[in-house]
Amino acid sequence: MITVSLLVVSFTSETTITTIETQPYSEAIGSSFSLVNDTKAKVSIHTGSGFVSLNKGSKTSISCNTGKEVRWANKGKKGDVIFKIASKHCGKTIKLSEVIK
């Protein structure tokens, strides 16, 4: 009788299924790109994850989160879109003058 009870309990146990939520942006693992300020002025930008101020000739590293937008920034507020991050940017050095619209 105990054996029958154990068999019944083992066949009626619940199975848990875990689902993984998809993210709206994809990220190449360990990938980033550099953005160089080759303009003649100091600029402030939002990299898609934070604000950065770039002096003339300086550069910053940006995570390669495809689909995110790099924007102008003014006093800690996001401005107009400069460009959207695409897989073609990953692992490269991008000049700001080449992506300004």
C-alpha atoms as a PDB file:
ATOM      1  CA  MET A   1       0.000   0.000   0.000  1.00  0.00           C
ATOM      2  CA  ILE A   2       2.836   2.426   0.791  1.00  0.00           C
ATOM      3  CA  THR A   3       4.519   1.565  -2.519  1.00  0.00           C
ATOM      4  CA  VAL A   4       1.307   2.280  -4.449  1.00  0.00           C
ATOM      5  CA  SER A   5       0.946   5.631  -2.670  1.00  0.00           C
ATOM      6  CA  LEU A   6       4.499   6.641  -3.576  1.00  0.00           C
ATOM      7  CA  LEU A   7       3.942   5.705  -7.228  1.00  0.00           C
ATOM      8  CA  VAL A   8       0.756   7.764  -7.387  1.00  0.00           C
ATOM      9  CA  VAL A   9       2.469  10.783  -5.820  1.00  0.00           C
ATOM     10  CA  SER A  10       5.437  10.559  -8.216  1.00  0.00           C
ATOM     11  CA  PHE A  11       3.158  10.496 -11.268  1.00  0.00           C
ATOM     12  CA  THR A  12       1.048  13.435 -10.123  1.00  0.00           C
ATOM     13  CA  SER A  13       3.873  15.880  -9.334  1.00  0.00           C
ATOM     14  CA  GLU A  14       3.700  19.252 -11.088  1.00  0.00           C
ATOM     15  CA  THR A  15       6.107  20.343 -13.777  1.00  0.00           C
ATOM     16  CA  THR A  16       7.261  23.956 -13.744  1.00  0.00           C
ATOM     17  CA  ILE A  17       8.108  25.663 -17.028  1.00  0.00           C
ATOM     18  CA  THR A  18      10.196  28.806 -16.938  1.00  0.00           C
ATOM     19  CA  THR A  19       9.939  31.292 -19.775  1.00  0.00           C
ATOM     20  CA  ILE A  20      12.579  33.808 -20.765  1.00  0.00           C
ATOM     21  CA  GLU A  21      11.439  37.321 -21.606  1.00  0.00           C
ATOM     22  CA  THR A  22      12.933  38.815 -24.731  1.00  0.00           C
ATOM     23  CA  GLN A  23      14.650  42.177 -24.584  1.00  0.00           C
ATOM     24  CA  PRO A  24      13.736  44.974 -27.013  1.00  0.00           C
ATOM     25  CA  TYR A  25      17.414  45.447 -27.925  1.00  0.00           C
ATOM     26  CA  SER A  26      20.045  42.890 -28.796  1.00  0.00           C
ATOM     27  CA  GLU A  27      23.606  43.188 -27.639  1.00  0.00           C
ATOM     28  CA  ALA A  28      26.626  41.540 -29.151  1.00  0.00           C
ATOM     29  CA  ILE A  29      28.416  39.963 -26.186  1.00  0.00           C
ATOM     30  CA  GLY A  30      31.446  41.947 -25.115  1.00  0.00           C
ATOM     31  CA  SER A  31      31.117  44.307 -28.056  1.00  0.00           C
ATOM     32  CA  SER A  32      31.407  48.067 -28.125  1.00  0.00           C
ATOM     33  CA  PHE A  33      32.543  50.832 -30.422  1.00  0.00           C
ATOM     34  CA  SER A  34      34.391  54.111 -30.009  1.00  0.00           C
ATOM     35  CA  LEU A  35      32.933  57.486 -30.903  1.00  0.00           C
ATOM     36  CA  VAL A  36      35.516  60.200 -31.588  1.00  0.00           C
ATOM     37  CA  ASN A  37      34.647  63.887 -31.408  1.00  0.00           C
ATOM     38  CA  ASP A  38      36.467  65.106 -34.502  1.00  0.00           C
ATOM     39  CA  THR A  39      34.450  68.327 -34.614  1.00  0.00           C
ATOM     40  CA  LYS A  40      35.850  71.693 -33.584  1.00  0.00           C
ATOM     41  CA  ALA A  41      33.692  72.022 -30.461  1.00  0.00           C
ATOM     42  CA  LYS A  42      33.028  70.368 -27.139  1.00  0.00           C
ATOM     43  CA  VAL A  43      29.805  68.325 -27.349  1.00  0.00           C
ATOM     44  CA  SER A  44      27.457  66.594 -24.934  1.00  0.00           C
ATOM     45  CA  ILE A  45      25.705  63.390 -25.957  1.00  0.00           C
ATOM     46  CA  HIS A  46      23.505  60.673 -24.521  1.00  0.00           C
ATOM     47  CA  THR A  47      24.961  57.284 -25.459  1.00  0.00           C
ATOM     48  CA  GLY A  48      21.770  55.294 -24.991  1.00  0.00           C
ATOM     49  CA  SER A  49      22.750  54.509 -21.419  1.00  0.00           C
ATOM     50  CA  GLY A  50      24.191  57.725 -20.021  1.00  0.00           C
ATOM     51  CA  PHE A  51      25.375  61.280 -20.624  1.00  0.00           C
ATOM     52  CA  VAL A  52      28.914  62.025 -21.855  1.00  0.00           C
ATOM     53  CA  SER A  53      30.715  65.277 -22.529  1.00  0.00           C
ATOM     54  CA  LEU A  54      33.387  65.047 -25.234  1.00  0.00           C
ATOM     55  CA  ASN A  55      36.103  67.643 -25.680  1.00  0.00           C
ATOM     56  CA  LYS A  56      37.463  68.321 -29.150  1.00  0.00           C
ATOM     57  CA  GLY A  57      39.508  65.245 -30.185  1.00  0.00           C
ATOM     58  CA  SER A  58      38.370  63.017 -27.311  1.00  0.00           C
ATOM     59  CA  LYS A  59      36.535  59.706 -27.587  1.00  0.00           C
ATOM     60  CA  THR A  60      34.235  57.473 -25.605  1.00  0.00           C
ATOM     61  CA  SER A  61      33.419  53.780 -25.685  1.00  0.00           C
ATOM     62  CA  ILE A  62      29.761  52.876 -26.209  1.00  0.00           C
ATOM     63  CA  SER A  63      28.137  49.461 -25.726  1.00  0.00           C
ATOM     64  CA  CYS A  64      26.934  48.002 -28.979  1.00  0.00           C
ATOM     65  CA  ASN A  65      23.227  47.809 -28.088  1.00  0.00           C
ATOM     66  CA  THR A  66      21.720  47.700 -31.560  1.00  0.00           C
ATOM     67  CA  GLY A  67      18.570  49.763 -31.883  1.00  0.00           C
ATOM     68  CA  LYS A  68      19.445  52.256 -29.148  1.00  0.00           C
ATOM     69  CA  GLU A  69      19.851  55.890 -30.092  1.00  0.00           C
ATOM     70  CA  VAL A  70      22.821  58.185 -29.587  1.00  0.00           C
ATOM     71  CA  ARG A  71      21.429  61.690 -29.011  1.00  0.00           C
ATOM     72  CA  TRP A  72      22.621  65.218 -28.461  1.00  0.00           C
ATOM     73  CA  ALA A  73      22.368  66.320 -24.837  1.00  0.00           C
ATOM     74  CA  ASN A  74      21.875  69.700 -23.245  1.00  0.00           C
ATOM     75  CA  LYS A  75      22.084  70.272 -19.498  1.00  0.00           C
ATOM     76  CA  GLY A  76      21.334  66.630 -18.670  1.00  0.00           C
ATOM     77  CA  LYS A  77      18.392  66.316 -21.054  1.00  0.00           C
ATOM     78  CA  LYS A  78      18.210  64.210 -24.210  1.00  0.00           C
ATOM     79  CA  GLY A  79      18.050  66.088 -27.492  1.00  0.00           C
ATOM     80  CA  ASP A  80      17.717  65.154 -31.153  1.00  0.00           C
ATOM     81  CA  VAL A  81      18.859  61.765 -32.432  1.00  0.00           C
ATOM     82  CA  ILE A  82      22.347  61.712 -33.969  1.00  0.00           C
ATOM     83  CA  PHE A  83      22.175  58.074 -35.105  1.00  0.00           C
ATOM     84  CA  LYS A  84      20.834  54.646 -34.140  1.00  0.00           C
ATOM     85  CA  ILE A  85      23.350  52.016 -33.112  1.00  0.00           C
ATOM     86  CA  ALA A  86      23.604  49.253 -35.727  1.00  0.00           C
ATOM     87  CA  SER A  87      25.652  46.070 -35.865  1.00  0.00           C
ATOM     88  CA  LYS A  88      27.927  47.724 -38.463  1.00  0.00           C
ATOM     89  CA  HIS A  89      29.221  50.056 -35.696  1.00  0.00           C
ATOM     90  CA  CYS A  90      30.333  47.231 -33.381  1.00  0.00           C
ATOM     91  CA  GLY A  91      34.082  46.932 -32.885  1.00  0.00           C
ATOM     92  CA  LYS A  92      34.851  50.078 -34.911  1.00  0.00           C
ATOM     93  CA  THR A  93      35.877  53.674 -34.307  1.00  0.00           C
ATOM     94  CA  ILE A  94      33.225  56.089 -35.550  1.00  0.00           C
ATOM     95  CA  LYS A  95      33.917  59.768 -36.220  1.00  0.00           C
ATOM     96  CA  LEU A  96      31.178  62.085 -34.977  1.00  0.00           C
ATOM     97  CA  SER A  97      31.423  64.186 -38.145  1.00  0.00           C
ATOM     98  CA  GLU A  98      30.509  61.120 -40.225  1.00  0.00           C
ATOM     99  CA  VAL A  99      27.261  60.374 -38.340  1.00  0.00           C
ATOM    100  CA  ILE A 100      25.948  63.928 -37.881  1.00  0.00           C
ATOM    101  CA  LYS A 101      22.821  64.385 -39.980  1.00  0.00           C
END
